[in-house]
Amino acid sequence: MDRNRDLAKGLSRIETNTAAAIQPKGAILIDDQVEHVGPFFAITALEDAVVDVSECDMSFIKDVVDFTIPKGLTIHGKFASIELDSGKVIAYLK
């Protein structure tokens, strides 16, 4: 009996921790060319979007120039802020 209860308790903890790790605190639509402050953990392109790396705090990315997130693609990371040169994205708040 105790084993089943312990297993159920363990599975419940996994479910809770997983939801906390991947469930956004909110999301914002970015369709302009101003800096938006996160932190964000994922960015989904609603149309091809050019990220202006020189205007963002994406310190985990090394030696990268501006890049395009193709429509429909989601990128994951630790984004302190994001600014676009063009396009439209949804940024998910951590």
N, C-alpha and C. Protein backbone atom coordinates (compact mmCIF):
# COMPACT_ATOMS: atom_id res chain seq x y z
N MET A 1 0.81 -1.19 0.00
CA MET A 1 0.00 0.00 0.00
C MET A 1 0.86 1.26 0.00
N ASP A 2 1.85 1.30 0.87
CA ASP A 2 2.70 2.48 0.97
C ASP A 2 3.43 2.76 -0.33
N ARG A 3 3.82 1.70 -1.03
CA ARG A 3 4.53 1.88 -2.30
C ARG A 3 3.64 2.59 -3.31
N ASN A 4 2.38 2.20 -3.43
CA ASN A 4 1.46 2.86 -4.36
C ASN A 4 1.24 4.32 -3.99
N ARG A 5 1.11 4.58 -2.70
CA ARG A 5 0.93 5.96 -2.25
C ARG A 5 2.17 6.80 -2.55
N ASP A 6 3.35 6.22 -2.30
CA ASP A 6 4.60 6.92 -2.58
C ASP A 6 4.76 7.18 -4.08
N LEU A 7 4.38 6.20 -4.88
CA LEU A 7 4.45 6.36 -6.34
C LEU A 7 3.51 7.46 -6.80
N ALA A 8 2.28 7.47 -6.30
CA ALA A 8 1.32 8.50 -6.67
C ALA A 8 1.81 9.88 -6.24
N LYS A 9 2.40 9.97 -5.07
CA LYS A 9 2.94 11.23 -4.56
C LYS A 9 4.09 11.71 -5.45
N GLY A 10 4.97 10.79 -5.83
CA GLY A 10 6.09 11.13 -6.70
C GLY A 10 5.62 11.60 -8.07
N LEU A 11 4.64 10.91 -8.64
CA LEU A 11 4.10 11.31 -9.94
C LEU A 11 3.43 12.68 -9.86
N SER A 12 2.77 12.95 -8.75
CA SER A 12 2.13 14.25 -8.56
C SER A 12 3.18 15.36 -8.52
N ARG A 13 4.28 15.11 -7.85
CA ARG A 13 5.37 16.11 -7.80
C ARG A 13 5.95 16.35 -9.18
N ILE A 14 6.15 15.30 -9.94
CA ILE A 14 6.69 15.45 -11.31
C ILE A 14 5.74 16.30 -12.14
N GLU A 15 4.45 16.00 -12.05
CA GLU A 15 3.46 16.77 -12.81
C GLU A 15 3.48 18.25 -12.42
N THR A 16 3.53 18.52 -11.14
CA THR A 16 3.55 19.90 -10.65
C THR A 16 4.82 20.63 -11.11
N ASN A 17 5.97 19.99 -10.98
CA ASN A 17 7.24 20.61 -11.37
C ASN A 17 7.32 20.82 -12.87
N THR A 18 6.82 19.89 -13.65
CA THR A 18 6.83 20.03 -15.10
C THR A 18 5.94 21.19 -15.52
N ALA A 19 4.77 21.28 -14.96
CA ALA A 19 3.86 22.39 -15.30
C ALA A 19 4.49 23.73 -14.95
N ALA A 20 5.14 23.80 -13.80
CA ALA A 20 5.78 25.06 -13.39
C ALA A 20 6.92 25.44 -14.32
N ALA A 21 7.61 24.44 -14.87
CA ALA A 21 8.76 24.71 -15.73
C ALA A 21 8.36 25.14 -17.13
N ILE A 22 7.24 24.64 -17.64
CA ILE A 22 6.90 24.93 -19.04
C ILE A 22 5.67 25.80 -19.22
N GLN A 23 4.97 26.11 -18.15
CA GLN A 23 3.77 26.92 -18.27
C GLN A 23 4.15 28.39 -18.14
N PRO A 24 3.87 29.20 -19.16
CA PRO A 24 4.28 30.60 -19.09
C PRO A 24 3.48 31.38 -18.05
N LYS A 25 4.13 32.41 -17.51
CA LYS A 25 3.45 33.33 -16.59
C LYS A 25 2.57 34.29 -17.37
N GLY A 26 2.77 34.32 -18.67
CA GLY A 26 2.02 35.19 -19.56
C GLY A 26 2.70 35.17 -20.91
N ALA A 27 2.09 35.83 -21.85
CA ALA A 27 2.66 35.92 -23.19
C ALA A 27 2.32 37.29 -23.75
N ILE A 28 3.24 37.81 -24.56
CA ILE A 28 2.97 39.11 -25.19
C ILE A 28 3.20 39.00 -26.70
N LEU A 29 2.42 39.74 -27.43
CA LEU A 29 2.59 39.85 -28.86
C LEU A 29 3.57 40.98 -29.11
N ILE A 30 4.61 40.70 -29.88
CA ILE A 30 5.58 41.73 -30.25
C ILE A 30 5.49 41.90 -31.76
N ASP A 31 5.08 43.09 -32.18
CA ASP A 31 4.95 43.37 -33.62
C ASP A 31 5.48 44.77 -33.93
N ASP A 32 6.43 45.22 -33.11
CA ASP A 32 7.02 46.55 -33.31
C ASP A 32 8.54 46.45 -33.21
N GLN A 33 9.22 47.58 -33.25
CA GLN A 33 10.68 47.59 -33.21
C GLN A 33 11.20 48.29 -31.95
N VAL A 34 10.61 47.98 -30.81
CA VAL A 34 11.09 48.49 -29.53
C VAL A 34 11.48 47.32 -28.65
N GLU A 35 12.34 47.59 -27.67
CA GLU A 35 12.79 46.53 -26.78
C GLU A 35 11.67 46.13 -25.82
N HIS A 36 11.49 44.83 -25.66
CA HIS A 36 10.53 44.28 -24.71
C HIS A 36 11.31 43.48 -23.68
N VAL A 37 11.07 43.77 -22.41
CA VAL A 37 11.83 43.17 -21.32
C VAL A 37 11.07 41.97 -20.77
N GLY A 38 11.78 40.87 -20.59
CA GLY A 38 11.22 39.63 -20.08
C GLY A 38 11.35 39.53 -18.58
N PRO A 39 11.83 38.40 -18.14
CA PRO A 39 12.50 37.38 -18.93
C PRO A 39 11.52 36.48 -19.67
N PHE A 40 11.96 36.05 -20.85
CA PHE A 40 11.19 35.15 -21.68
C PHE A 40 11.92 33.81 -21.76
N PHE A 41 11.16 32.72 -21.89
CA PHE A 41 11.79 31.41 -22.05
C PHE A 41 11.56 30.81 -23.43
N ALA A 42 10.66 31.39 -24.21
CA ALA A 42 10.41 30.89 -25.57
C ALA A 42 9.83 32.03 -26.41
N ILE A 43 10.12 31.95 -27.71
CA ILE A 43 9.62 32.93 -28.66
C ILE A 43 9.13 32.18 -29.88
N THR A 44 7.88 32.42 -30.28
CA THR A 44 7.29 31.78 -31.45
C THR A 44 7.03 32.84 -32.51
N ALA A 45 7.50 32.58 -33.73
CA ALA A 45 7.30 33.52 -34.84
C ALA A 45 5.94 33.29 -35.48
N LEU A 46 5.14 34.35 -35.54
CA LEU A 46 3.84 34.29 -36.23
C LEU A 46 4.01 34.59 -37.72
N GLU A 47 5.11 35.26 -38.04
CA GLU A 47 5.56 35.47 -39.42
C GLU A 47 7.07 35.56 -39.31
N ASP A 48 7.79 35.44 -40.43
CA ASP A 48 9.24 35.54 -40.37
C ASP A 48 9.61 36.79 -39.58
N ALA A 49 10.48 36.64 -38.59
CA ALA A 49 10.83 37.74 -37.70
C ALA A 49 12.35 37.85 -37.59
N VAL A 50 12.86 39.05 -37.81
CA VAL A 50 14.30 39.30 -37.69
C VAL A 50 14.57 39.86 -36.29
N VAL A 51 15.42 39.16 -35.54
CA VAL A 51 15.78 39.57 -34.19
C VAL A 51 17.02 40.47 -34.27
N ASP A 52 16.93 41.65 -33.67
CA ASP A 52 18.04 42.61 -33.63
C ASP A 52 18.87 42.30 -32.39
N VAL A 53 19.88 41.46 -32.55
CA VAL A 53 20.68 40.98 -31.43
C VAL A 53 21.40 42.13 -30.72
N SER A 54 21.81 43.16 -31.46
CA SER A 54 22.54 44.28 -30.83
C SER A 54 21.65 45.06 -29.86
N GLU A 55 20.35 44.92 -29.96
CA GLU A 55 19.42 45.64 -29.09
C GLU A 55 18.75 44.73 -28.07
N CYS A 56 19.22 43.49 -27.95
CA CYS A 56 18.62 42.52 -27.04
C CYS A 56 19.63 42.09 -25.99
N ASP A 57 19.12 41.58 -24.89
CA ASP A 57 19.98 40.93 -23.91
C ASP A 57 19.77 39.43 -24.05
N MET A 58 20.56 38.86 -24.93
CA MET A 58 20.55 37.41 -25.16
C MET A 58 21.96 36.91 -24.90
N SER A 59 22.46 37.16 -23.71
CA SER A 59 23.86 36.93 -23.40
C SER A 59 24.29 35.47 -23.51
N PHE A 60 23.33 34.56 -23.55
CA PHE A 60 23.70 33.15 -23.70
C PHE A 60 24.11 32.82 -25.14
N ILE A 61 23.82 33.72 -26.09
CA ILE A 61 24.19 33.51 -27.49
C ILE A 61 25.53 34.21 -27.73
N LYS A 62 26.51 33.49 -28.22
CA LYS A 62 27.85 34.05 -28.45
C LYS A 62 28.09 34.23 -29.95
N ASP A 63 28.72 35.35 -30.29
CA ASP A 63 29.16 35.62 -31.66
C ASP A 63 28.05 35.43 -32.68
N VAL A 64 26.89 35.99 -32.41
CA VAL A 64 25.76 35.86 -33.32
C VAL A 64 25.37 37.24 -33.84
N VAL A 65 25.04 37.29 -35.10
CA VAL A 65 24.52 38.51 -35.69
C VAL A 65 23.00 38.40 -35.73
N ASP A 66 22.35 39.46 -36.19
CA ASP A 66 20.89 39.40 -36.31
C ASP A 66 20.49 38.10 -37.01
N PHE A 67 19.39 37.53 -36.60
CA PHE A 67 18.94 36.27 -37.19
C PHE A 67 17.44 36.29 -37.39
N THR A 68 16.97 35.41 -38.26
CA THR A 68 15.55 35.30 -38.58
C THR A 68 14.97 34.06 -37.92
N ILE A 69 13.85 34.24 -37.26
CA ILE A 69 13.06 33.11 -36.77
C ILE A 69 11.98 32.88 -37.82
N PRO A 70 12.01 31.75 -38.52
CA PRO A 70 11.01 31.50 -39.56
C PRO A 70 9.60 31.34 -38.97
N LYS A 71 8.62 31.73 -39.74
CA LYS A 71 7.22 31.61 -39.34
C LYS A 71 6.93 30.19 -38.84
N GLY A 72 6.30 30.12 -37.66
CA GLY A 72 5.91 28.83 -37.09
C GLY A 72 6.94 28.20 -36.18
N LEU A 73 8.17 28.71 -36.18
CA LEU A 73 9.22 28.12 -35.36
C LEU A 73 9.22 28.73 -33.96
N THR A 74 9.48 27.90 -32.96
CA THR A 74 9.64 28.37 -31.58
C THR A 74 11.08 28.13 -31.17
N ILE A 75 11.71 29.18 -30.61
CA ILE A 75 13.05 29.02 -30.05
C ILE A 75 12.94 29.13 -28.54
N HIS A 76 13.81 28.41 -27.85
CA HIS A 76 13.81 28.39 -26.39
C HIS A 76 15.15 28.90 -25.88
N GLY A 77 15.14 29.54 -24.74
CA GLY A 77 16.36 30.04 -24.14
C GLY A 77 16.03 30.95 -22.97
N LYS A 78 17.05 31.66 -22.52
CA LYS A 78 16.88 32.65 -21.44
C LYS A 78 17.03 34.02 -22.08
N PHE A 79 15.91 34.63 -22.42
CA PHE A 79 15.91 35.92 -23.09
C PHE A 79 15.53 37.00 -22.08
N ALA A 80 16.49 37.85 -21.71
CA ALA A 80 16.19 38.95 -20.78
C ALA A 80 15.35 40.00 -21.48
N SER A 81 15.61 40.19 -22.77
CA SER A 81 14.83 41.14 -23.57
C SER A 81 14.92 40.75 -25.03
N ILE A 82 14.02 41.31 -25.83
CA ILE A 82 14.03 41.04 -27.27
C ILE A 82 13.57 42.29 -28.00
N GLU A 83 14.20 42.50 -29.14
CA GLU A 83 13.78 43.57 -30.05
C GLU A 83 13.84 43.04 -31.47
N LEU A 84 12.82 43.33 -32.23
CA LEU A 84 12.74 42.88 -33.61
C LEU A 84 13.10 44.00 -34.57
N ASP A 85 13.67 43.62 -35.72
CA ASP A 85 13.80 44.56 -36.85
C ASP A 85 12.58 44.47 -37.73
N SER A 86 11.95 43.29 -37.76
CA SER A 86 10.73 43.08 -38.54
C SER A 86 10.04 41.82 -38.07
N GLY A 87 8.81 41.66 -38.48
CA GLY A 87 8.07 40.45 -38.17
C GLY A 87 7.17 40.58 -36.96
N LYS A 88 6.69 39.43 -36.52
CA LYS A 88 5.72 39.36 -35.42
C LYS A 88 5.96 38.06 -34.66
N VAL A 89 6.05 38.17 -33.32
CA VAL A 89 6.27 37.00 -32.49
C VAL A 89 5.39 37.03 -31.26
N ILE A 90 5.24 35.88 -30.64
CA ILE A 90 4.70 35.78 -29.29
C ILE A 90 5.86 35.41 -28.40
N ALA A 91 6.09 36.19 -27.34
CA ALA A 91 7.14 35.92 -26.38
C ALA A 91 6.50 35.44 -25.08
N TYR A 92 6.99 34.32 -24.57
CA TYR A 92 6.40 33.69 -23.39
C TYR A 92 7.21 34.06 -22.15
N LEU A 93 6.55 34.70 -21.19
CA LEU A 93 7.20 35.16 -19.96
C LEU A 93 7.52 34.00 -19.04
N LYS A 94 8.69 34.07 -18.47
CA LYS A 94 9.15 33.04 -17.54
C LYS A 94 8.56 33.28 -16.17
